[in-house]
C-alpha cells in the first residue's frame, strides 16, 4: 500500500512553524519504506498549506508546531499530523516510519 507523507520544511530541516513553511518534502511511502521524494514550494499561511496538502493527497504531515485552527482543518481534511518534529527531514521521516514498523502498522 502506498501513502503520501509530507514534511513542512525549510531547506533540509523541519520548519518550526507549519504556517510559515516555505516548502514541503513529499515522500511516497510503500510498505513503510521511502519510495520517492520531491520538494514542493508552498505559499504562506495555514489555508494555502492545507489546500496544497489536499492536492498532493497527503495522508500524514510531520511538522514543528500547529495552531488549533490548522490542527482542526487538517483533521477535517483527513490528514494525520505528527507535531513536535525537529531536525533533518529524512531522519525525522525515517524515525516516524520506524515507529510504525515497531507498532505493527
N, C-alpha and C. Protein backbone atom coordinates (compact mmCIF):
# COMPACT_ATOMS: atom_id res chain seq x y z
N UNK A 1 0.84 -1.18 0.00
CA UNK A 1 0.00 0.00 0.00
C UNK A 1 0.88 1.25 0.00
N UNK A 2 0.55 2.22 -0.84
CA UNK A 2 1.32 3.46 -0.88
C UNK A 2 0.60 4.55 -0.09
N UNK A 3 1.38 5.48 0.41
CA UNK A 3 0.86 6.59 1.19
C UNK A 3 1.73 7.80 0.90
N UNK A 4 1.13 8.96 0.87
CA UNK A 4 1.89 10.20 0.71
C UNK A 4 2.06 10.85 2.06
N UNK A 5 3.31 11.12 2.41
CA UNK A 5 3.67 11.75 3.68
C UNK A 5 4.38 13.06 3.35
N UNK A 6 3.98 14.14 4.00
CA UNK A 6 4.59 15.45 3.75
C UNK A 6 5.25 15.96 5.02
N UNK A 7 6.38 16.64 4.83
CA UNK A 7 7.09 17.26 5.94
C UNK A 7 7.18 18.75 5.66
N UNK A 8 6.66 19.56 6.59
CA UNK A 8 6.79 21.02 6.47
C UNK A 8 8.25 21.35 6.71
N UNK A 9 8.90 21.95 5.71
CA UNK A 9 10.35 22.14 5.85
C UNK A 9 10.84 23.47 5.30
N UNK A 10 12.07 23.74 5.68
CA UNK A 10 12.83 24.87 5.17
C UNK A 10 14.20 24.31 4.87
N UNK A 11 14.54 24.25 3.59
CA UNK A 11 15.75 23.57 3.13
C UNK A 11 15.64 22.09 3.51
N UNK A 12 16.57 21.57 4.28
CA UNK A 12 16.53 20.15 4.62
C UNK A 12 16.13 19.89 6.06
N UNK A 13 15.57 20.90 6.73
CA UNK A 13 15.16 20.76 8.13
C UNK A 13 13.67 20.99 8.28
N UNK A 14 13.09 20.36 9.30
CA UNK A 14 11.68 20.59 9.62
C UNK A 14 11.52 22.06 10.00
N UNK A 15 10.55 22.72 9.42
CA UNK A 15 10.27 24.12 9.74
C UNK A 15 9.59 24.17 11.12
N UNK A 16 10.05 25.05 12.01
CA UNK A 16 9.46 25.09 13.35
C UNK A 16 7.98 25.44 13.37
N UNK A 17 7.49 26.22 12.39
CA UNK A 17 6.10 26.67 12.38
C UNK A 17 5.44 26.29 11.05
N UNK A 18 4.45 25.44 11.12
CA UNK A 18 3.74 24.94 9.94
C UNK A 18 3.30 26.08 9.01
N UNK A 19 2.68 27.12 9.55
CA UNK A 19 2.14 28.20 8.74
C UNK A 19 3.18 29.01 7.99
N UNK A 20 4.42 28.96 8.45
CA UNK A 20 5.50 29.71 7.80
C UNK A 20 6.42 28.85 6.96
N UNK A 21 6.06 27.61 6.77
CA UNK A 21 6.91 26.69 6.00
C UNK A 21 6.94 27.10 4.52
N UNK A 22 8.15 27.32 3.97
CA UNK A 22 8.23 27.72 2.56
C UNK A 22 8.10 26.57 1.57
N UNK A 23 8.20 25.34 2.08
CA UNK A 23 8.14 24.18 1.18
C UNK A 23 7.77 22.92 1.96
N UNK A 24 7.47 21.89 1.20
CA UNK A 24 7.20 20.57 1.78
C UNK A 24 8.07 19.54 1.09
N UNK A 25 8.61 18.64 1.89
CA UNK A 25 9.25 17.45 1.34
C UNK A 25 8.12 16.42 1.27
N UNK A 26 7.88 15.90 0.09
CA UNK A 26 6.76 14.99 -0.13
C UNK A 26 7.33 13.61 -0.43
N UNK A 27 7.02 12.67 0.45
CA UNK A 27 7.53 11.31 0.34
C UNK A 27 6.44 10.37 -0.13
N UNK A 28 6.78 9.50 -1.04
CA UNK A 28 5.91 8.38 -1.39
C UNK A 28 6.39 7.22 -0.54
N UNK A 29 5.48 6.69 0.26
CA UNK A 29 5.82 5.59 1.17
C UNK A 29 5.18 4.31 0.64
N UNK A 30 5.97 3.28 0.51
CA UNK A 30 5.49 1.98 0.05
C UNK A 30 5.95 0.94 1.05
N UNK A 31 5.00 0.26 1.68
CA UNK A 31 5.31 -0.77 2.68
C UNK A 31 6.28 -0.25 3.75
N UNK A 32 5.95 0.93 4.30
CA UNK A 32 6.73 1.58 5.36
C UNK A 32 8.16 1.90 4.96
N UNK A 33 8.40 2.08 3.68
CA UNK A 33 9.73 2.48 3.19
C UNK A 33 9.58 3.67 2.25
N UNK A 34 10.59 4.52 2.25
CA UNK A 34 10.60 5.67 1.34
C UNK A 34 10.82 5.16 -0.08
N UNK A 35 9.86 5.45 -0.96
CA UNK A 35 9.92 5.00 -2.34
C UNK A 35 10.17 6.17 -3.30
N UNK A 36 10.01 7.39 -2.82
CA UNK A 36 10.23 8.56 -3.66
C UNK A 36 10.18 9.82 -2.82
N UNK A 37 10.85 10.87 -3.29
CA UNK A 37 10.90 12.14 -2.58
C UNK A 37 10.96 13.28 -3.58
N UNK A 38 10.17 14.32 -3.32
CA UNK A 38 10.27 15.54 -4.11
C UNK A 38 9.98 16.72 -3.18
N UNK A 39 10.48 17.88 -3.56
CA UNK A 39 10.22 19.11 -2.80
C UNK A 39 9.19 19.93 -3.57
N UNK A 40 8.25 20.52 -2.82
CA UNK A 40 7.20 21.33 -3.42
C UNK A 40 7.18 22.67 -2.70
N UNK A 41 7.29 23.76 -3.45
CA UNK A 41 7.21 25.11 -2.86
C UNK A 41 5.79 25.38 -2.42
N UNK A 42 5.66 26.19 -1.36
CA UNK A 42 4.34 26.46 -0.80
C UNK A 42 4.13 27.95 -0.59
N UNK A 43 2.90 28.41 -0.84
CA UNK A 43 2.52 29.78 -0.48
C UNK A 43 2.41 29.84 1.04
N UNK A 44 2.48 31.02 1.59
CA UNK A 44 2.46 31.17 3.04
C UNK A 44 1.04 31.06 3.60
N UNK A 45 0.94 30.54 4.80
CA UNK A 45 -0.34 30.51 5.52
C UNK A 45 -0.95 29.13 5.63
N UNK A 46 -1.67 28.94 6.73
CA UNK A 46 -2.29 27.64 7.00
C UNK A 46 -3.23 27.18 5.90
N UNK A 47 -4.12 28.07 5.45
CA UNK A 47 -5.11 27.67 4.44
C UNK A 47 -4.44 27.22 3.14
N UNK A 48 -3.44 27.97 2.70
CA UNK A 48 -2.72 27.60 1.47
C UNK A 48 -1.99 26.28 1.64
N UNK A 49 -1.40 26.08 2.81
CA UNK A 49 -0.68 24.83 3.07
C UNK A 49 -1.63 23.63 3.06
N UNK A 50 -2.75 23.78 3.72
CA UNK A 50 -3.70 22.66 3.80
C UNK A 50 -4.28 22.35 2.42
N UNK A 51 -4.58 23.38 1.63
CA UNK A 51 -5.06 23.16 0.26
C UNK A 51 -4.01 22.40 -0.56
N UNK A 52 -2.75 22.77 -0.41
CA UNK A 52 -1.68 22.09 -1.13
C UNK A 52 -1.57 20.63 -0.68
N UNK A 53 -1.64 20.39 0.62
CA UNK A 53 -1.56 19.01 1.12
C UNK A 53 -2.70 18.16 0.59
N UNK A 54 -3.89 18.74 0.49
CA UNK A 54 -5.02 18.01 -0.10
C UNK A 54 -4.74 17.68 -1.56
N UNK A 55 -4.24 18.68 -2.28
CA UNK A 55 -3.92 18.49 -3.70
C UNK A 55 -2.88 17.39 -3.90
N UNK A 56 -1.93 17.32 -2.97
CA UNK A 56 -0.88 16.29 -3.04
C UNK A 56 -1.36 14.93 -2.55
N UNK A 57 -2.59 14.89 -2.00
CA UNK A 57 -3.17 13.68 -1.44
C UNK A 57 -2.37 13.16 -0.25
N UNK A 58 -1.82 14.09 0.54
CA UNK A 58 -1.05 13.70 1.72
C UNK A 58 -1.98 13.11 2.78
N UNK A 59 -1.54 12.04 3.39
CA UNK A 59 -2.30 11.40 4.47
C UNK A 59 -1.68 11.67 5.83
N UNK A 60 -0.38 12.00 5.82
CA UNK A 60 0.37 12.26 7.06
C UNK A 60 1.18 13.53 6.87
N UNK A 61 1.22 14.36 7.92
CA UNK A 61 2.05 15.56 7.94
C UNK A 61 2.97 15.50 9.15
N UNK A 62 4.25 15.65 8.92
CA UNK A 62 5.22 15.80 10.01
C UNK A 62 5.57 17.28 10.05
N UNK A 63 5.52 17.87 11.25
CA UNK A 63 5.74 19.32 11.34
C UNK A 63 6.23 19.72 12.72
N UNK A 64 6.61 20.99 12.83
CA UNK A 64 7.00 21.55 14.12
C UNK A 64 5.75 21.82 14.94
N UNK A 65 5.29 23.07 14.92
CA UNK A 65 4.09 23.43 15.69
C UNK A 65 2.92 23.74 14.77
N UNK A 66 1.73 23.53 15.32
CA UNK A 66 0.47 23.84 14.64
C UNK A 66 -0.38 24.66 15.59
N UNK A 67 -1.15 25.62 15.05
CA UNK A 67 -2.13 26.27 15.92
C UNK A 67 -3.42 25.45 15.87
N UNK A 68 -4.35 25.78 16.75
CA UNK A 68 -5.58 25.00 16.89
C UNK A 68 -6.39 24.97 15.60
N UNK A 69 -6.46 26.09 14.88
CA UNK A 69 -7.27 26.11 13.66
C UNK A 69 -6.65 25.23 12.57
N UNK A 70 -5.33 25.23 12.46
CA UNK A 70 -4.67 24.36 11.48
C UNK A 70 -4.87 22.90 11.84
N UNK A 71 -4.76 22.58 13.12
CA UNK A 71 -4.96 21.21 13.58
C UNK A 71 -6.36 20.72 13.21
N UNK A 72 -7.37 21.56 13.46
CA UNK A 72 -8.75 21.20 13.14
C UNK A 72 -8.96 21.03 11.64
N UNK A 73 -8.38 21.94 10.86
CA UNK A 73 -8.53 21.87 9.40
C UNK A 73 -7.85 20.63 8.83
N UNK A 74 -6.69 20.28 9.35
CA UNK A 74 -6.01 19.06 8.90
C UNK A 74 -6.84 17.83 9.23
N UNK A 75 -7.37 17.81 10.44
CA UNK A 75 -8.21 16.68 10.86
C UNK A 75 -9.43 16.56 9.95
N UNK A 76 -10.07 17.69 9.64
CA UNK A 76 -11.24 17.68 8.76
C UNK A 76 -10.88 17.21 7.35
N UNK A 77 -9.64 17.46 6.93
CA UNK A 77 -9.18 17.03 5.60
C UNK A 77 -8.70 15.58 5.60
N UNK A 78 -8.72 14.93 6.76
CA UNK A 78 -8.29 13.54 6.84
C UNK A 78 -6.78 13.37 6.82
N UNK A 79 -6.06 14.42 7.25
CA UNK A 79 -4.60 14.38 7.28
C UNK A 79 -4.15 14.23 8.73
N UNK A 80 -3.41 13.18 9.01
CA UNK A 80 -2.91 12.93 10.36
C UNK A 80 -1.64 13.75 10.58
N UNK A 81 -1.64 14.59 11.61
CA UNK A 81 -0.48 15.44 11.90
C UNK A 81 0.33 14.87 13.06
N UNK A 82 1.63 14.80 12.87
CA UNK A 82 2.57 14.42 13.93
C UNK A 82 3.39 15.67 14.24
N UNK A 83 2.98 16.38 15.29
CA UNK A 83 3.63 17.64 15.66
C UNK A 83 4.89 17.41 16.49
N UNK A 84 5.62 18.50 16.69
CA UNK A 84 6.78 18.47 17.57
C UNK A 84 8.03 17.90 16.94
N UNK A 85 8.04 17.81 15.63
CA UNK A 85 9.20 17.25 14.93
C UNK A 85 10.29 18.31 14.77
N UNK A 86 11.53 17.92 14.89
CA UNK A 86 12.66 18.83 14.68
C UNK A 86 13.79 18.07 14.00
N UNK A 87 14.63 18.79 13.28
CA UNK A 87 15.82 18.18 12.71
C UNK A 87 15.72 17.94 11.22
N UNK A 88 16.60 17.08 10.74
CA UNK A 88 16.73 16.74 9.33
C UNK A 88 15.48 16.01 8.83
N UNK A 89 14.97 16.44 7.69
CA UNK A 89 13.74 15.91 7.11
C UNK A 89 13.80 14.39 6.92
N UNK A 90 14.87 13.89 6.34
CA UNK A 90 14.96 12.45 6.06
C UNK A 90 15.09 11.66 7.36
N UNK A 91 15.86 12.15 8.31
CA UNK A 91 15.99 11.45 9.59
C UNK A 91 14.66 11.42 10.34
N UNK A 92 13.94 12.54 10.34
CA UNK A 92 12.64 12.60 11.02
C UNK A 92 11.65 11.63 10.36
N UNK A 93 11.65 11.59 9.04
CA UNK A 93 10.75 10.69 8.32
C UNK A 93 11.11 9.23 8.61
N UNK A 94 12.40 8.91 8.58
CA UNK A 94 12.84 7.55 8.89
C UNK A 94 12.44 7.13 10.29
N UNK A 95 12.60 8.03 11.26
CA UNK A 95 12.23 7.73 12.65
C UNK A 95 10.72 7.50 12.76
N UNK A 96 9.93 8.30 12.06
CA UNK A 96 8.48 8.13 12.07
C UNK A 96 8.10 6.76 11.50
N UNK A 97 8.71 6.39 10.39
CA UNK A 97 8.42 5.09 9.77
C UNK A 97 8.84 3.93 10.67
N UNK A 98 9.96 4.07 11.36
CA UNK A 98 10.40 3.01 12.29
C UNK A 98 9.40 2.82 13.42
N UNK A 99 8.80 3.90 13.91
CA UNK A 99 7.78 3.79 14.95
C UNK A 99 6.58 3.00 14.43
N UNK A 100 6.19 3.24 13.17
CA UNK A 100 5.07 2.50 12.59
C UNK A 100 5.40 1.01 12.50
N UNK A 101 6.61 0.70 12.07
CA UNK A 101 7.02 -0.70 11.94
C UNK A 101 6.99 -1.37 13.32
N UNK A 102 7.54 -0.70 14.31
CA UNK A 102 7.57 -1.27 15.67
C UNK A 102 6.17 -1.45 16.23
N UNK A 103 5.24 -0.56 15.84
CA UNK A 103 3.87 -0.65 16.32
C UNK A 103 3.05 -1.66 15.51
N UNK A 104 3.66 -2.24 14.48
CA UNK A 104 2.97 -3.24 13.68
C UNK A 104 1.96 -2.66 12.71
N UNK A 105 2.16 -1.42 12.30
CA UNK A 105 1.21 -0.77 11.37
C UNK A 105 1.71 -0.84 9.95
